[in-house]
Amino acid sequence: MSEKVCVGAIAGAFGVRGEVRLKSFTAVPEDIANYAPLETEDGARSFTVKITRQIKNGLAARLSGIATKEDADALRGTQLFVPRDRLPSLPDDEFYHADLIGLTVTDTGGAPLGKVLAVHNNGADDLLELSAPGQKQTVLLPFTKAIVPTVDLAQGRIVADPPEGLFS
């Protein structure tokens, strides 16, 4: 498990007074401010966050040390991280996406299906993007209790019962 978890990203400037467009990856988008200070992946910069309003596809926010549109634009694409210990504990059947990436996926008989490359949310359910052995394209596996009955973070593995034909 990673020591830092990505909780958001800066999508660019919002307006001309140094506000940023902020994409939040937290369950309740506004909660991203509660985890501040947020830092860049390398830890070189750290920001306090003040959410100013909701906007289309995200939030408008003020970050400490960002005073101009040019400062905000320079941060476009910057991912924001927090140390894992600042995040709340999750119930047994919930997982941080960062913890699932890299896990080995097998079927219920133990045959390898691939490794988790990413976790996508399509609005209804999450999808695990897998790199499957012998396949050129990735496979999207629905991340539901019926299809993924076992996630064992300690062993670094997921057991799945994929729908018929998904891996052919």
C-alpha atoms as a PDB file:
ATOM      1  CA  MET A   1       0.000   0.000   0.000  1.00  0.00           C
ATOM      2  CA  SER A   2       1.274   3.431  -0.868  1.00  0.00           C
ATOM      3  CA  GLU A   3       2.190   5.919   1.855  1.00  0.00           C
ATOM      4  CA  LYS A   4       0.456   8.756   0.001  1.00  0.00           C
ATOM      5  CA  VAL A   5      -2.962   8.748  -1.632  1.00  0.00           C
ATOM      6  CA  CYS A   6      -4.007  11.034  -4.490  1.00  0.00           C
ATOM      7  CA  VAL A   7      -7.131  12.937  -3.391  1.00  0.00           C
ATOM      8  CA  GLY A   8      -7.405  15.452  -6.214  1.00  0.00           C
ATOM      9  CA  ALA A   9      -5.922  17.245  -9.179  1.00  0.00           C
ATOM     10  CA  ILE A  10      -5.672  20.817 -10.359  1.00  0.00           C
ATOM     11  CA  ALA A  11      -7.401  21.340 -13.713  1.00  0.00           C
ATOM     12  CA  GLY A  12      -6.113  24.898 -14.235  1.00  0.00           C
ATOM     13  CA  ALA A  13      -7.066  28.443 -13.337  1.00  0.00           C
ATOM     14  CA  PHE A  14     -10.587  29.588 -12.507  1.00  0.00           C
ATOM     15  CA  GLY A  15     -10.957  33.291 -13.138  1.00  0.00           C
ATOM     16  CA  VAL A  16      -8.166  35.846 -12.964  1.00  0.00           C
ATOM     17  CA  ARG A  17      -7.548  36.138  -9.210  1.00  0.00           C
ATOM     18  CA  GLY A  18      -5.593  32.966  -8.517  1.00  0.00           C
ATOM     19  CA  GLU A  19      -8.402  30.487  -7.919  1.00  0.00           C
ATOM     20  CA  VAL A  20      -7.958  26.976  -9.317  1.00  0.00           C
ATOM     21  CA  ARG A  21     -10.315  24.427 -10.828  1.00  0.00           C
ATOM     22  CA  LEU A  22     -10.014  21.478  -8.479  1.00  0.00           C
ATOM     23  CA  LYS A  23     -11.081  17.928  -9.245  1.00  0.00           C
ATOM     24  CA  SER A  24     -11.712  16.074  -6.007  1.00  0.00           C
ATOM     25  CA  PHE A  25     -11.371  12.299  -5.814  1.00  0.00           C
ATOM     26  CA  THR A  26     -12.897  12.077  -2.331  1.00  0.00           C
ATOM     27  CA  ALA A  27     -16.327  10.491  -1.735  1.00  0.00           C
ATOM     28  CA  VAL A  28     -17.741  13.898  -0.788  1.00  0.00           C
ATOM     29  CA  PRO A  29     -15.879  16.330  -3.078  1.00  0.00           C
ATOM     30  CA  GLU A  30     -15.787  19.225  -0.589  1.00  0.00           C
ATOM     31  CA  ASP A  31     -14.068  16.997   1.989  1.00  0.00           C
ATOM     32  CA  ILE A  32     -10.786  17.406   0.111  1.00  0.00           C
ATOM     33  CA  ALA A  33     -10.214  20.646   2.068  1.00  0.00           C
ATOM     34  CA  ASN A  34     -10.418  18.718   5.358  1.00  0.00           C
ATOM     35  CA  TYR A  35      -7.302  16.709   4.468  1.00  0.00           C
ATOM     36  CA  ALA A  36      -5.094  19.781   3.907  1.00  0.00           C
ATOM     37  CA  PRO A  37      -2.297  20.470   3.679  1.00  0.00           C
ATOM     38  CA  LEU A  38      -2.271  18.736   0.295  1.00  0.00           C
ATOM     39  CA  GLU A  39       1.075  18.157  -1.342  1.00  0.00           C
ATOM     40  CA  THR A  40       2.526  17.413  -4.743  1.00  0.00           C
ATOM     41  CA  GLU A  41       3.588  13.827  -5.417  1.00  0.00           C
ATOM     42  CA  ASP A  42       7.243  14.615  -4.746  1.00  0.00           C
ATOM     43  CA  GLY A  43       6.351  16.543  -1.580  1.00  0.00           C
ATOM     44  CA  ALA A  44       8.121  19.667  -2.870  1.00  0.00           C
ATOM     45  CA  ARG A  45       5.022  21.885  -2.521  1.00  0.00           C
ATOM     46  CA  SER A  46       2.252  21.925   0.033  1.00  0.00           C
ATOM     47  CA  PHE A  47      -1.060  23.806  -0.046  1.00  0.00           C
ATOM     48  CA  THR A  48      -3.870  24.674   2.298  1.00  0.00           C
ATOM     49  CA  VAL A  49      -7.238  24.646   0.524  1.00  0.00           C
ATOM     50  CA  LYS A  50     -10.284  26.874   0.792  1.00  0.00           C
ATOM     51  CA  ILE A  51     -13.222  25.785  -1.369  1.00  0.00           C
ATOM     52  CA  THR A  52     -14.919  28.902  -2.757  1.00  0.00           C
ATOM     53  CA  ARG A  53     -17.775  27.304  -4.726  1.00  0.00           C
ATOM     54  CA  GLN A  54     -18.944  24.343  -6.768  1.00  0.00           C
ATOM     55  CA  ILE A  55     -18.432  24.645 -10.512  1.00  0.00           C
ATOM     56  CA  LYS A  56     -19.138  22.396 -13.461  1.00  0.00           C
ATOM     57  CA  ASN A  57     -16.947  19.272 -13.219  1.00  0.00           C
ATOM     58  CA  GLY A  58     -15.383  20.203  -9.899  1.00  0.00           C
ATOM     59  CA  LEU A  59     -14.723  22.912  -7.367  1.00  0.00           C
ATOM     60  CA  ALA A  60     -13.258  26.406  -7.413  1.00  0.00           C
ATOM     61  CA  ALA A  61     -10.689  26.786  -4.665  1.00  0.00           C
ATOM     62  CA  ARG A  62      -7.963  29.008  -3.290  1.00  0.00           C
ATOM     63  CA  LEU A  63      -4.626  27.360  -2.584  1.00  0.00           C
ATOM     64  CA  SER A  64      -2.061  28.922  -0.283  1.00  0.00           C
ATOM     65  CA  GLY A  65       0.727  30.645  -2.194  1.00  0.00           C
ATOM     66  CA  ILE A  66      -1.279  30.906  -5.432  1.00  0.00           C
ATOM     67  CA  ALA A  67      -2.187  34.540  -6.078  1.00  0.00           C
ATOM     68  CA  THR A  68      -2.460  34.967  -9.841  1.00  0.00           C
ATOM     69  CA  LYS A  69      -4.052  33.299 -12.841  1.00  0.00           C
ATOM     70  CA  GLU A  70      -0.546  32.514 -14.113  1.00  0.00           C
ATOM     71  CA  ASP A  71       0.363  30.766 -10.823  1.00  0.00           C
ATOM     72  CA  ALA A  72      -2.845  28.717 -11.050  1.00  0.00           C
ATOM     73  CA  ASP A  73      -2.321  27.842 -14.731  1.00  0.00           C
ATOM     74  CA  ALA A  74       1.232  26.682 -13.981  1.00  0.00           C
ATOM     75  CA  LEU A  75      -0.226  24.012 -11.675  1.00  0.00           C
ATOM     76  CA  ARG A  76      -2.550  22.529 -14.337  1.00  0.00           C
ATOM     77  CA  GLY A  77      -2.372  18.732 -14.153  1.00  0.00           C
ATOM     78  CA  THR A  78      -0.745  18.673 -10.715  1.00  0.00           C
ATOM     79  CA  GLN A  79      -2.011  15.805  -8.597  1.00  0.00           C
ATOM     80  CA  LEU A  80      -2.550  16.452  -4.887  1.00  0.00           C
ATOM     81  CA  PHE A  81      -1.691  13.872  -2.245  1.00  0.00           C
ATOM     82  CA  VAL A  82      -2.125  13.298   1.476  1.00  0.00           C
ATOM     83  CA  PRO A  83      -0.391  10.837   3.783  1.00  0.00           C
ATOM     84  CA  ARG A  84      -2.479   7.678   4.194  1.00  0.00           C
ATOM     85  CA  ASP A  85      -2.732   8.149   7.976  1.00  0.00           C
ATOM     86  CA  ARG A  86      -4.787  11.327   7.428  1.00  0.00           C
ATOM     87  CA  LEU A  87      -7.528   9.376   5.658  1.00  0.00           C
ATOM     88  CA  PRO A  88     -10.365   7.702   7.545  1.00  0.00           C
ATOM     89  CA  SER A  89     -10.433   3.939   8.014  1.00  0.00           C
ATOM     90  CA  LEU A  90     -12.812   2.149   5.688  1.00  0.00           C
ATOM     91  CA  PRO A  91     -15.305  -0.642   6.354  1.00  0.00           C
ATOM     92  CA  ASP A  92     -14.170  -4.152   5.400  1.00  0.00           C
ATOM     93  CA  ASP A  93     -15.937  -4.092   2.016  1.00  0.00           C
ATOM     94  CA  GLU A  94     -14.576  -0.698   0.858  1.00  0.00           C
ATOM     95  CA  PHE A  95     -11.131   0.062  -0.534  1.00  0.00           C
ATOM     96  CA  TYR A  96      -9.056   3.013  -1.601  1.00  0.00           C
ATOM     97  CA  HIS A  97      -8.416   2.818  -5.353  1.00  0.00           C
ATOM     98  CA  ALA A  98      -4.687   3.273  -4.723  1.00  0.00           C
ATOM     99  CA  ASP A  99      -4.657   0.015  -2.727  1.00  0.00           C
ATOM    100  CA  LEU A 100      -6.190  -1.996  -5.584  1.00  0.00           C
ATOM    101  CA  ILE A 101      -3.762  -0.884  -8.303  1.00  0.00           C
ATOM    102  CA  GLY A 102      -1.060  -3.497  -8.859  1.00  0.00           C
ATOM    103  CA  LEU A 103      -2.937  -6.383  -7.232  1.00  0.00           C
ATOM    104  CA  THR A 104      -2.912  -9.760  -8.975  1.00  0.00           C
ATOM    105  CA  VAL A 105      -6.319 -11.026 -10.103  1.00  0.00           C
ATOM    106  CA  THR A 106      -7.120 -14.737 -10.336  1.00  0.00           C
ATOM    107  CA  ASP A 107     -10.304 -16.612 -11.095  1.00  0.00           C
ATOM    108  CA  THR A 108     -12.009 -18.766  -8.459  1.00  0.00           C
ATOM    109  CA  GLY A 109      -9.906 -21.742  -9.600  1.00  0.00           C
ATOM    110  CA  GLY A 110      -6.646 -19.842  -9.109  1.00  0.00           C
ATOM    111  CA  ALA A 111      -5.867 -19.226 -12.801  1.00  0.00           C
ATOM    112  CA  PRO A 112      -4.272 -15.787 -13.375  1.00  0.00           C
ATOM    113  CA  LEU A 113      -6.489 -13.181 -15.032  1.00  0.00           C
ATOM    114  CA  GLY A 114      -4.103 -10.228 -14.837  1.00  0.00           C
ATOM    115  CA  LYS A 115      -3.037  -7.240 -12.750  1.00  0.00           C
ATOM    116  CA  VAL A 116      -5.065  -4.163 -11.832  1.00  0.00           C
ATOM    117  CA  LEU A 117      -3.807  -1.154 -13.828  1.00  0.00           C
ATOM    118  CA  ALA A 118      -6.483   1.349 -12.803  1.00  0.00           C
ATOM    119  CA  VAL A 119      -9.896   1.741 -11.210  1.00  0.00           C
ATOM    120  CA  HIS A 120     -12.556   3.640 -13.169  1.00  0.00           C
ATOM    121  CA  ASN A 121     -15.926   4.872 -11.997  1.00  0.00           C
ATOM    122  CA  ASN A 122     -18.604   4.796 -14.677  1.00  0.00           C
ATOM    123  CA  GLY A 123     -21.291   6.290 -12.479  1.00  0.00           C
ATOM    124  CA  ALA A 124     -22.987   3.043 -11.484  1.00  0.00           C
ATOM    125  CA  ASP A 125     -20.165   0.748 -10.375  1.00  0.00           C
ATOM    126  CA  ASP A 126     -16.414   0.821 -10.361  1.00  0.00           C
ATOM    127  CA  LEU A 127     -14.502  -1.047 -13.062  1.00  0.00           C
ATOM    128  CA  LEU A 128     -11.096  -2.662 -12.605  1.00  0.00           C
ATOM    129  CA  GLU A 129      -8.874  -2.216 -15.660  1.00  0.00           C
ATOM    130  CA  LEU A 130      -6.718  -5.321 -15.974  1.00  0.00           C
ATOM    131  CA  SER A 131      -3.695  -6.145 -18.050  1.00  0.00           C
ATOM    132  CA  ALA A 132      -4.521  -9.732 -18.967  1.00  0.00           C
ATOM    133  CA  PRO A 133      -1.828 -12.236 -19.971  1.00  0.00           C
ATOM    134  CA  GLY A 134      -1.906 -13.005 -23.706  1.00  0.00           C
ATOM    135  CA  GLN A 135      -4.219 -10.081 -24.546  1.00  0.00           C
ATOM    136  CA  LYS A 136      -3.160  -6.913 -26.322  1.00  0.00           C
ATOM    137  CA  GLN A 137      -5.975  -4.781 -24.936  1.00  0.00           C
ATOM    138  CA  THR A 138      -6.880  -4.250 -21.311  1.00  0.00           C
ATOM    139  CA  VAL A 139     -10.020  -5.825 -19.853  1.00  0.00           C
ATOM    140  CA  LEU A 140     -12.604  -3.935 -17.775  1.00  0.00           C
ATOM    141  CA  LEU A 141     -13.887  -6.106 -14.932  1.00  0.00           C
ATOM    142  CA  PRO A 142     -16.963  -4.882 -13.021  1.00  0.00           C
ATOM    143  CA  PHE A 143     -16.003  -4.355  -9.381  1.00  0.00           C
ATOM    144  CA  THR A 144     -19.098  -5.762  -7.697  1.00  0.00           C
ATOM    145  CA  LYS A 145     -19.404  -8.205  -4.814  1.00  0.00           C
ATOM    146  CA  ALA A 146     -20.903 -10.836  -7.158  1.00  0.00           C
ATOM    147  CA  ILE A 147     -18.013 -10.659  -9.653  1.00  0.00           C
ATOM    148  CA  VAL A 148     -15.216  -9.864  -7.186  1.00  0.00           C
ATOM    149  CA  PRO A 149     -16.038 -11.838  -4.036  1.00  0.00           C
ATOM    150  CA  THR A 150     -12.551 -11.570  -2.482  1.00  0.00           C
ATOM    151  CA  VAL A 151     -10.088  -8.706  -2.102  1.00  0.00           C
ATOM    152  CA  ASP A 152      -7.126  -9.693   0.060  1.00  0.00           C
ATOM    153  CA  LEU A 153      -4.907  -6.637   0.497  1.00  0.00           C
ATOM    154  CA  ALA A 154      -2.565  -8.477   2.874  1.00  0.00           C
ATOM    155  CA  GLN A 155      -1.848 -11.144   0.229  1.00  0.00           C
ATOM    156  CA  GLY A 156      -1.931  -8.638  -2.644  1.00  0.00           C
ATOM    157  CA  ARG A 157      -4.601 -10.501  -4.581  1.00  0.00           C
ATOM    158  CA  ILE A 158      -8.148 -10.356  -5.856  1.00  0.00           C
ATOM    159  CA  VAL A 159     -10.313 -13.385  -6.625  1.00  0.00           C
ATOM    160  CA  ALA A 160     -12.859 -12.798  -9.378  1.00  0.00           C
ATOM    161  CA  ASP A 161     -15.684 -14.743 -10.996  1.00  0.00           C
ATOM    162  CA  PRO A 162     -15.828 -12.884 -14.336  1.00  0.00           C
ATOM    163  CA  PRO A 163     -18.850 -12.990 -16.634  1.00  0.00           C
ATOM    164  CA  GLU A 164     -18.723 -15.647 -19.366  1.00  0.00           C
ATOM    165  CA  GLY A 165     -16.719 -14.511 -22.407  1.00  0.00           C
ATOM    166  CA  LEU A 166     -15.047 -11.485 -20.787  1.00  0.00           C
ATOM    167  CA  PHE A 167     -11.544 -12.943 -21.155  1.00  0.00           C
ATOM    168  CA  SER A 168     -11.909 -14.629 -24.543  1.00  0.00           C
END
